[in-house]
PDB file of N, CA and C in Angstrom:
ATOM      1  N   UNK A   1       6.531 113.815 -89.528  1.00  0.00           N
ATOM      2  CA  UNK A   1       5.985 112.947 -89.266  1.00  0.00           C
ATOM      3  C   UNK A   1       4.583 112.927 -88.342  1.00  0.00           C
ATOM      4  N   UNK A   2       3.295 112.522 -88.520  1.00  0.00           N
ATOM      5  CA  UNK A   2       2.141 112.475 -88.146  1.00  0.00           C
ATOM      6  C   UNK A   2       1.978 111.284 -86.804  1.00  0.00           C
ATOM      7  N   UNK A   3       2.025 111.734 -85.903  1.00  0.00           N
ATOM      8  CA  UNK A   3       2.489 110.797 -84.800  1.00  0.00           C
ATOM      9  C   UNK A   3       1.104 110.146 -83.883  1.00  0.00           C
ATOM     10  N   UNK A   4       0.373 110.898 -84.609  1.00  0.00           N
ATOM     11  CA  UNK A   4      -1.277 110.622 -84.020  1.00  0.00           C
ATOM     12  C   UNK A   4      -1.732 108.963 -84.892  1.00  0.00           C
ATOM     13  N   UNK A   5      -0.718 108.564 -85.740  1.00  0.00           N
ATOM     14  CA  UNK A   5      -0.956 106.991 -85.846  1.00  0.00           C
ATOM     15  C   UNK A   5      -1.369 106.063 -85.517  1.00  0.00           C
ATOM     16  N   UNK A   6      -0.392 106.346 -84.787  1.00  0.00           N
ATOM     17  CA  UNK A   6      -0.325 105.315 -84.187  1.00  0.00           C
ATOM     18  C   UNK A   6      -0.852 105.025 -83.083  1.00  0.00           C
ATOM     19  N   UNK A   7      -1.656 105.659 -82.520  1.00  0.00           N
ATOM     20  CA  UNK A   7      -2.514 105.669 -82.349  1.00  0.00           C
ATOM     21  C   UNK A   7      -3.635 105.260 -82.214  1.00  0.00           C
ATOM     22  N   UNK A   8      -3.511 104.520 -83.467  1.00  0.00           N
ATOM     23  CA  UNK A   8      -4.513 103.493 -84.643  1.00  0.00           C
ATOM     24  C   UNK A   8      -5.136 102.898 -83.525  1.00  0.00           C
ATOM     25  N   UNK A   9      -6.159 101.889 -83.293  1.00  0.00           N
ATOM     26  CA  UNK A   9      -5.960 100.418 -83.289  1.00  0.00           C
ATOM     27  C   UNK A   9      -5.266  99.225 -84.361  1.00  0.00           C
ATOM     28  N   UNK A  10      -5.520  99.578 -85.282  1.00  0.00           N
ATOM     29  CA  UNK A  10      -4.811  97.963 -86.508  1.00  0.00           C
ATOM     30  C   UNK A  10      -3.966  98.767 -85.744  1.00  0.00           C
ATOM     31  N   UNK A  11      -2.693  99.230 -86.244  1.00  0.00           N
ATOM     32  CA  UNK A  11      -1.223  99.469 -85.281  1.00  0.00           C
ATOM     33  C   UNK A  11      -0.622  99.442 -85.054  1.00  0.00           C
ATOM     34  N   UNK A  12      -1.871  99.378 -83.275  1.00  0.00           N
ATOM     35  CA  UNK A  12      -1.091  99.145 -82.075  1.00  0.00           C
ATOM     36  C   UNK A  12      -1.033  97.517 -82.368  1.00  0.00           C
ATOM     37  N   UNK A  13      -2.478  97.402 -83.265  1.00  0.00           N
ATOM     38  CA  UNK A  13      -2.901  95.046 -83.005  1.00  0.00           C
ATOM     39  C   UNK A  13      -1.139  95.042 -83.786  1.00  0.00           C
ATOM     40  N   UNK A  14      -0.758  96.276 -84.879  1.00  0.00           N
ATOM     41  CA  UNK A  14      -0.314  95.451 -85.607  1.00  0.00           C
ATOM     42  C   UNK A  14       1.372  95.386 -84.728  1.00  0.00           C
ATOM     43  N   UNK A  15       2.038  95.870 -83.988  1.00  0.00           N
ATOM     44  CA  UNK A  15       2.760  96.389 -83.465  1.00  0.00           C
ATOM     45  C   UNK A  15       2.855  95.327 -82.411  1.00  0.00           C
ATOM     46  N   UNK A  16       1.446  94.840 -81.657  1.00  0.00           N
ATOM     47  CA  UNK A  16       1.120  94.217 -80.253  1.00  0.00           C
ATOM     48  C   UNK A  16       1.438  92.572 -81.446  1.00  0.00           C
ATOM     49  N   UNK A  17       1.503  92.501 -82.463  1.00  0.00           N
ATOM     50  CA  UNK A  17       1.462  90.887 -83.268  1.00  0.00           C
ATOM     51  C   UNK A  17       3.202  90.805 -83.709  1.00  0.00           C
ATOM     52  N   UNK A  18       4.046  91.785 -84.393  1.00  0.00           N
ATOM     53  CA  UNK A  18       4.862  91.546 -84.577  1.00  0.00           C
ATOM     54  C   UNK A  18       5.831  91.546 -83.552  1.00  0.00           C
ATOM     55  N   UNK A  19       5.188  92.479 -81.887  1.00  0.00           N
ATOM     56  CA  UNK A  19       6.669  91.988 -80.863  1.00  0.00           C
ATOM     57  C   UNK A  19       6.400  90.851 -79.878  1.00  0.00           C
ATOM     58  N   UNK A  20       5.050  90.134 -80.030  1.00  0.00           N
ATOM     59  CA  UNK A  20       4.324  89.093 -79.847  1.00  0.00           C
ATOM     60  C   UNK A  20       4.303  87.589 -80.271  1.00  0.00           C
ATOM     61  N   UNK A  21       3.661  88.042 -81.085  1.00  0.00           N
ATOM     62  CA  UNK A  21       3.535  86.763 -81.679  1.00  0.00           C
ATOM     63  C   UNK A  21       5.270  86.295 -82.626  1.00  0.00           C
ATOM     64  N   UNK A  22       5.739  87.066 -83.826  1.00  0.00           N
ATOM     65  CA  UNK A  22       6.034  87.487 -84.474  1.00  0.00           C
ATOM     66  C   UNK A  22       8.084  86.797 -83.999  1.00  0.00           C
ATOM     67  N   UNK A  23       8.008  87.727 -82.734  1.00  0.00           N
ATOM     68  CA  UNK A  23       9.429  87.704 -82.386  1.00  0.00           C
ATOM     69  C   UNK A  23      10.340  87.238 -80.924  1.00  0.00           C
ATOM     70  N   UNK A  24       8.694  87.432 -80.290  1.00  0.00           N
ATOM     71  CA  UNK A  24       8.879  86.850 -78.539  1.00  0.00           C
ATOM     72  C   UNK A  24       8.325  84.915 -78.954  1.00  0.00           C
ATOM     73  N   UNK A  25       6.977  84.664 -79.576  1.00  0.00           N
ATOM     74  CA  UNK A  25       7.009  83.242 -79.916  1.00  0.00           C
ATOM     75  C   UNK A  25       8.219  82.799 -80.537  1.00  0.00           C
ATOM     76  N   UNK A  26       8.621  83.437 -81.777  1.00  0.00           N
ATOM     77  CA  UNK A  26       9.106  82.746 -82.935  1.00  0.00           C
ATOM     78  C   UNK A  26      10.297  82.111 -81.296  1.00  0.00           C
ATOM     79  N   UNK A  27      11.038  83.656 -80.775  1.00  0.00           N
ATOM     80  CA  UNK A  27      12.533  82.985 -80.157  1.00  0.00           C
ATOM     81  C   UNK A  27      12.520  82.049 -79.543  1.00  0.00           C
ATOM     82  N   UNK A  28      11.424  82.035 -78.439  1.00  0.00           N
ATOM     83  CA  UNK A  28      10.619  80.798 -77.530  1.00  0.00           C
ATOM     84  C   UNK A  28      10.714  79.346 -78.737  1.00  0.00           C
ATOM     85  N   UNK A  29      10.259  79.813 -79.495  1.00  0.00           N
ATOM     86  CA  UNK A  29       9.762  77.911 -80.090  1.00  0.00           C
ATOM     87  C   UNK A  29      11.758  77.777 -80.710  1.00  0.00           C
ATOM     88  N   UNK A  30      12.303  78.533 -81.030  1.00  0.00           N
ATOM     89  CA  UNK A  30      13.566  78.157 -81.403  1.00  0.00           C
ATOM     90  C   UNK A  30      14.035  77.739 -80.433  1.00  0.00           C
ATOM     91  N   UNK A  31      14.321  78.535 -78.912  1.00  0.00           N
ATOM     92  CA  UNK A  31      15.289  78.164 -77.856  1.00  0.00           C
ATOM     93  C   UNK A  31      14.394  76.715 -77.635  1.00  0.00           C
ATOM     94  N   UNK A  32      13.113  76.360 -77.838  1.00  0.00           N
ATOM     95  CA  UNK A  32      12.841  75.941 -77.927  1.00  0.00           C
ATOM     96  C   UNK A  32      12.847  74.083 -78.392  1.00  0.00           C
ATOM     97  N   UNK A  33      13.896  74.399 -79.664  1.00  0.00           N
ATOM     98  CA  UNK A  33      13.632  73.461 -81.120  1.00  0.00           C
ATOM     99  C   UNK A  33      15.303  73.218 -80.712  1.00  0.00           C
ATOM    100  N   UNK A  34      15.926  74.083 -79.987  1.00  0.00           N
ATOM    101  CA  UNK A  34      17.381  73.796 -80.093  1.00  0.00           C
ATOM    102  C   UNK A  34      17.637  72.666 -79.059  1.00  0.00           C
ATOM    103  N   UNK A  35      16.604  73.190 -77.998  1.00  0.00           N
ATOM    104  CA  UNK A  35      17.231  72.398 -76.775  1.00  0.00           C
ATOM    105  C   UNK A  35      16.239  70.350 -77.223  1.00  0.00           C
ATOM    106  N   UNK A  36      15.524  70.238 -77.848  1.00  0.00           N
ATOM    107  CA  UNK A  36      15.046  69.436 -78.127  1.00  0.00           C
ATOM    108  C   UNK A  36      16.040  68.845 -79.499  1.00  0.00           C
ATOM    109  N   UNK A  37      16.024  69.516 -80.020  1.00  0.00           N
ATOM    110  CA  UNK A  37      17.008  68.559 -81.125  1.00  0.00           C
ATOM    111  C   UNK A  37      18.447  68.973 -81.733  1.00  0.00           C
ATOM    112  N   UNK A  38      18.906  70.135 -80.736  1.00  0.00           N
ATOM    113  CA  UNK A  38      20.320  69.783 -80.627  1.00  0.00           C
ATOM    114  C   UNK A  38      20.773  71.792 -81.809  1.00  0.00           C
ATOM    115  N   UNK A  39      21.807  72.508 -81.348  1.00  0.00           N
ATOM    116  CA  UNK A  39      22.058  73.622 -82.083  1.00  0.00           C
ATOM    117  C   UNK A  39      22.006  73.843 -83.589  1.00  0.00           C
ATOM    118  N   UNK A  40      22.500  72.150 -83.771  1.00  0.00           N
ATOM    119  CA  UNK A  40      23.525  72.145 -84.885  1.00  0.00           C
ATOM    120  C   UNK A  40      22.236  71.542 -85.727  1.00  0.00           C
ATOM    121  N   UNK A  41      21.589  70.935 -85.226  1.00  0.00           N
ATOM    122  CA  UNK A  41      20.336  71.120 -86.181  1.00  0.00           C
ATOM    123  C   UNK A  41      19.469  72.100 -86.694  1.00  0.00           C
ATOM    124  N   UNK A  42      19.218  72.375 -85.536  1.00  0.00           N
ATOM    125  CA  UNK A  42      18.761  73.675 -85.811  1.00  0.00           C
ATOM    126  C   UNK A  42      18.637  74.654 -86.363  1.00  0.00           C
ATOM    127  N   UNK A  43      19.949  75.261 -86.355  1.00  0.00           N
ATOM    128  CA  UNK A  43      20.590  75.912 -87.469  1.00  0.00           C
ATOM    129  C   UNK A  43      20.391  75.429 -89.009  1.00  0.00           C
ATOM    130  N   UNK A  44      20.506  74.511 -89.069  1.00  0.00           N
ATOM    131  CA  UNK A  44      20.482  73.797 -90.690  1.00  0.00           C
ATOM    132  C   UNK A  44      18.414  73.682 -90.937  1.00  0.00           C
ATOM    133  N   UNK A  45      18.191  74.410 -90.155  1.00  0.00           N
ATOM    134  CA  UNK A  45      16.570  73.766 -90.629  1.00  0.00           C
ATOM    135  C   UNK A  45      15.909  75.710 -90.826  1.00  0.00           C
ATOM    136  N   UNK A  46      16.812  76.360 -90.916  1.00  0.00           N
ATOM    137  CA  UNK A  46      16.260  77.955 -91.155  1.00  0.00           C
ATOM    138  C   UNK A  46      16.211  77.639 -92.211  1.00  0.00           C
ATOM    139  N   UNK A  47      16.870  77.161 -92.604  1.00  0.00           N
ATOM    140  CA  UNK A  47      17.591  77.368 -94.151  1.00  0.00           C
ATOM    141  C   UNK A  47      16.076  76.823 -95.277  1.00  0.00           C
ATOM    142  N   UNK A  48      15.249  76.343 -94.215  1.00  0.00           N
ATOM    143  CA  UNK A  48      14.178  76.001 -95.128  1.00  0.00           C
ATOM    144  C   UNK A  48      12.633  77.411 -94.813  1.00  0.00           C
ATOM    145  N   UNK A  49      12.971  77.901 -94.187  1.00  0.00           N
ATOM    146  CA  UNK A  49      11.996  79.349 -93.880  1.00  0.00           C
ATOM    147  C   UNK A  49      11.523  79.577 -95.730  1.00  0.00           C
ATOM    148  N   UNK A  50      12.717  80.393 -96.158  1.00  0.00           N
ATOM    149  CA  UNK A  50      12.395  80.757 -97.357  1.00  0.00           C
ATOM    150  C   UNK A  50      11.238  79.641 -98.146  1.00  0.00           C
ATOM    151  N   UNK A  51      11.580  78.543 -98.527  1.00  0.00           N
ATOM    152  CA  UNK A  51      11.335  77.884 -99.228  1.00  0.00           C
ATOM    153  C   UNK A  51       9.900  77.134 -98.498  1.00  0.00           C
ATOM    154  N   UNK A  52      10.081  77.615 -97.359  1.00  0.00           N
ATOM    155  CA  UNK A  52       8.292  77.343 -96.774  1.00  0.00           C
ATOM    156  C   UNK A  52       7.479  78.926 -97.023  1.00  0.00           C
ATOM    157  N   UNK A  53       8.439  80.220 -96.912  1.00  0.00           N
ATOM    158  CA  UNK A  53       7.062  81.215 -97.804  1.00  0.00           C
ATOM    159  C   UNK A  53       6.379  80.999 -99.348  1.00  0.00           C
ATOM    160  N   UNK A  54       7.499  81.110-100.477  1.00  0.00           N
ATOM    161  CA  UNK A  54       7.044  80.750-101.446  1.00  0.00           C
ATOM    162  C   UNK A  54       6.245  79.991-102.058  1.00  0.00           C
ATOM    163  N   UNK A  55       6.250  78.440-100.944  1.00  0.00           N
ATOM    164  CA  UNK A  55       4.746  77.871-100.809  1.00  0.00           C
ATOM    165  C   UNK A  55       3.820  78.440-100.394  1.00  0.00           C
ATOM    166  N   UNK A  56       3.458  78.758 -98.705  1.00  0.00           N
ATOM    167  CA  UNK A  56       2.643  79.714 -98.209  1.00  0.00           C
ATOM    168  C   UNK A  56       2.333  81.070 -99.935  1.00  0.00           C
ATOM    169  N   UNK A  57       3.026  81.181 -99.646  1.00  0.00           N
ATOM    170  CA  UNK A  57       2.784  82.152-100.743  1.00  0.00           C
ATOM    171  C   UNK A  57       1.710  82.461-102.065  1.00  0.00           C
ATOM    172  N   UNK A  58       2.320  80.649-102.371  1.00  0.00           N
ATOM    173  CA  UNK A  58       1.401  80.171-103.725  1.00  0.00           C
ATOM    174  C   UNK A  58       0.187  79.731-103.114  1.00  0.00           C
ATOM    175  N   UNK A  59       0.078  79.521-101.840  1.00  0.00           N
ATOM    176  CA  UNK A  59      -1.144  78.763-101.521  1.00  0.00           C
ATOM    177  C   UNK A  59      -1.941  79.521-100.801  1.00  0.00           C
ATOM    178  N   UNK A  60      -1.744  80.537 -99.658  1.00  0.00           N
ATOM    179  CA  UNK A  60      -2.144  81.731 -99.025  1.00  0.00           C
ATOM    180  C   UNK A  60      -3.055  83.317 -99.680  1.00  0.00           C
ATOM    181  N   UNK A  61      -2.294  83.420-100.602  1.00  0.00           N
ATOM    182  CA  UNK A  61      -1.629  84.961-101.301  1.00  0.00           C
ATOM    183  C   UNK A  61      -1.366  84.610-103.451  1.00  0.00           C
ATOM    184  N   UNK A  62      -1.763  83.222-103.429  1.00  0.00           N
ATOM    185  CA  UNK A  62      -2.357  83.367-104.984  1.00  0.00           C
ATOM    186  C   UNK A  62      -1.205  83.484-105.774  1.00  0.00           C
ATOM    187  N   UNK A  63      -0.058  83.693-105.550  1.00  0.00           N
ATOM    188  CA  UNK A  63       1.096  84.278-106.070  1.00  0.00           C
ATOM    189  C   UNK A  63       1.160  83.848-106.746  1.00  0.00           C
ATOM    190  N   UNK A  64       2.311  83.666-107.817  1.00  0.00           N
ATOM    191  CA  UNK A  64       2.799  83.243-109.199  1.00  0.00           C
ATOM    192  C   UNK A  64       4.408  82.396-108.885  1.00  0.00           C
ATOM    193  N   UNK A  65       4.104  80.941-108.969  1.00  0.00           N
ATOM    194  CA  UNK A  65       5.296  80.876-108.529  1.00  0.00           C
ATOM    195  C   UNK A  65       6.177  80.524-109.700  1.00  0.00           C
ATOM    196  N   UNK A  66       7.088  81.228-109.759  1.00  0.00           N
ATOM    197  CA  UNK A  66       8.699  81.996-111.300  1.00  0.00           C
ATOM    198  C   UNK A  66       9.533  80.829-110.868  1.00  0.00           C
ATOM    199  N   UNK A  67      10.173  80.792-112.276  1.00  0.00           N
ATOM    200  CA  UNK A  67      11.856  79.963-112.540  1.00  0.00           C
ATOM    201  C   UNK A  67      12.211  79.955-111.080  1.00  0.00           C
ATOM    202  N   UNK A  68      12.375  81.632-110.759  1.00  0.00           N
ATOM    203  CA  UNK A  68      13.967  82.187-109.999  1.00  0.00           C
ATOM    204  C   UNK A  68      13.065  81.172-108.771  1.00  0.00           C
ATOM    205  N   UNK A  69      12.013  81.873-108.434  1.00  0.00           N
ATOM    206  CA  UNK A  69      11.584  80.556-106.886  1.00  0.00           C
ATOM    207  C   UNK A  69      11.949  78.888-106.916  1.00  0.00           C
ATOM    208  N   UNK A  70      11.426  78.763-107.768  1.00  0.00           N
ATOM    209  CA  UNK A  70      11.220  77.434-108.173  1.00  0.00           C
ATOM    210  C   UNK A  70      12.510  76.988-107.779  1.00  0.00           C
ATOM    211  N   UNK A  71      13.812  77.162-108.444  1.00  0.00           N
ATOM    212  CA  UNK A  71      15.653  77.045-108.904  1.00  0.00           C
ATOM    213  C   UNK A  71      15.756  77.438-107.411  1.00  0.00           C
ATOM    214  N   UNK A  72      15.601  78.362-106.479  1.00  0.00           N
ATOM    215  CA  UNK A  72      16.207  79.294-105.436  1.00  0.00           C
ATOM    216  C   UNK A  72      15.447  78.473-103.750  1.00  0.00           C
ATOM    217  N   UNK A  73      13.675  77.525-103.987  1.00  0.00           N
ATOM    218  CA  UNK A  73      13.916  76.570-103.040  1.00  0.00           C
ATOM    219  C   UNK A  73      14.751  75.296-103.240  1.00  0.00           C
ATOM    220  N   UNK A  74      14.744  74.279-104.295  1.00  0.00           N
ATOM    221  CA  UNK A  74      15.436  73.447-104.857  1.00  0.00           C
ATOM    222  C   UNK A  74      16.662  73.112-104.852  1.00  0.00           C
ATOM    223  N   UNK A  75      16.886  75.037-105.038  1.00  0.00           N
ATOM    224  CA  UNK A  75      19.318  74.502-104.238  1.00  0.00           C
ATOM    225  C   UNK A  75      19.233  75.221-102.905  1.00  0.00           C
ATOM    226  N   UNK A  76      18.433  74.945-101.751  1.00  0.00           N
ATOM    227  CA  UNK A  76      18.218  75.294-100.849  1.00  0.00           C
ATOM    228  C   UNK A  76      17.664  74.132-100.257  1.00  0.00           C
ATOM    229  N   UNK A  77      16.857  73.335-101.125  1.00  0.00           N
ATOM    230  CA  UNK A  77      16.343  71.943-100.210  1.00  0.00           C
ATOM    231  C   UNK A  77      17.265  70.583-100.588  1.00  0.00           C
ATOM    232  N   UNK A  78      18.429  70.993-101.776  1.00  0.00           N
ATOM    233  CA  UNK A  78      19.520  70.177-102.064  1.00  0.00           C
ATOM    234  C   UNK A  78      20.534  70.320-101.106  1.00  0.00           C
ATOM    235  N   UNK A  79      20.994  71.616-100.793  1.00  0.00           N
ATOM    236  CA  UNK A  79      22.103  72.008 -99.711  1.00  0.00           C
ATOM    237  C   UNK A  79      21.898  71.238 -98.545  1.00  0.00           C
ATOM    238  N   UNK A  80      20.254  71.528 -98.070  1.00  0.00           N
ATOM    239  CA  UNK A  80      20.278  70.785 -97.281  1.00  0.00           C
ATOM    240  C   UNK A  80      20.151  69.425 -97.283  1.00  0.00           C
ATOM    241  N   UNK A  81      20.146  68.756 -98.171  1.00  0.00           N
ATOM    242  CA  UNK A  81      19.952  67.104 -98.252  1.00  0.00           C
ATOM    243  C   UNK A  81      21.486  66.687 -98.454  1.00  0.00           C
ATOM    244  N   UNK A  82      22.438  68.081 -98.846  1.00  0.00           N
ATOM    245  CA  UNK A  82      23.728  67.218 -98.903  1.00  0.00           C
ATOM    246  C   UNK A  82      24.493  67.487 -97.213  1.00  0.00           C
ATOM    247  N   UNK A  83      24.322  68.708 -96.965  1.00  0.00           N
ATOM    248  CA  UNK A  83      24.512  69.088 -95.299  1.00  0.00           C
ATOM    249  C   UNK A  83      23.780  67.419 -94.769  1.00  0.00           C
ATOM    250  N   UNK A  84      22.829  67.237 -94.562  1.00  0.00           N
ATOM    251  CA  UNK A  84      22.651  66.500 -93.314  1.00  0.00           C
ATOM    252  C   UNK A  84      23.550  64.938 -94.042  1.00  0.00           C
ATOM    253  N   UNK A  85      23.785  64.379 -95.309  1.00  0.00           N
ATOM    254  CA  UNK A  85      24.505  63.701 -95.624  1.00  0.00           C
ATOM    255  C   UNK A  85      25.580  63.587 -94.662  1.00  0.00           C
ATOM    256  N   UNK A  86      26.416  64.365 -95.460  1.00  0.00           N
ATOM    257  CA  UNK A  86      28.095  64.819 -94.822  1.00  0.00           C
ATOM    258  C   UNK A  86      27.911  64.274 -92.917  1.00  0.00           C
ATOM    259  N   UNK A  87      26.903  64.992 -92.348  1.00  0.00           N
ATOM    260  CA  UNK A  87      26.708  64.544 -91.075  1.00  0.00           C
ATOM    261  C   UNK A  87      26.365  63.201 -90.598  1.00  0.00           C
ATOM    262  N   UNK A  88      26.101  62.775 -91.582  1.00  0.00           N
ATOM    263  CA  UNK A  88      25.479  61.206 -91.050  1.00  0.00           C
ATOM    264  C   UNK A  88      26.453  59.915 -91.580  1.00  0.00           C
ATOM    265  N   UNK A  89      27.044  61.117 -92.831  1.00  0.00           N
ATOM    266  CA  UNK A  89      28.333  60.146 -92.672  1.00  0.00           C
ATOM    267  C   UNK A  89      29.901  59.620 -91.865  1.00  0.00           C
ATOM    268  N   UNK A  90      29.482  61.122 -90.704  1.00  0.00           N
ATOM    269  CA  UNK A  90      30.807  61.711 -90.286  1.00  0.00           C
ATOM    270  C   UNK A  90      30.263  60.095 -89.105  1.00  0.00           C
ATOM    271  N   UNK A  91      29.149  60.193 -88.737  1.00  0.00           N
ATOM    272  CA  UNK A  91      28.204  59.685 -87.540  1.00  0.00           C
ATOM    273  C   UNK A  91      28.242  58.065 -87.383  1.00  0.00           C
TER     274      UNK A  91
END
């Protein structure tokens, strides 16, 4: 493996983005949201991530919406609705 590829500025910037932007900022926001709305609600909303990914891939990357992605997104949203109803009914 050629290690000189890691000296390229675009590779270094990609690693910095993944390390600082995606990981560090993501964990910081996760901890902040857990503090604000609680651990249970925060862990429930992590399941929205694939739905957001599908929507943004259509909007930003102009990917085609497939039957499988629509079905998966609907099932995730339905699951969130059902889980939130059970939590609200217990209160």
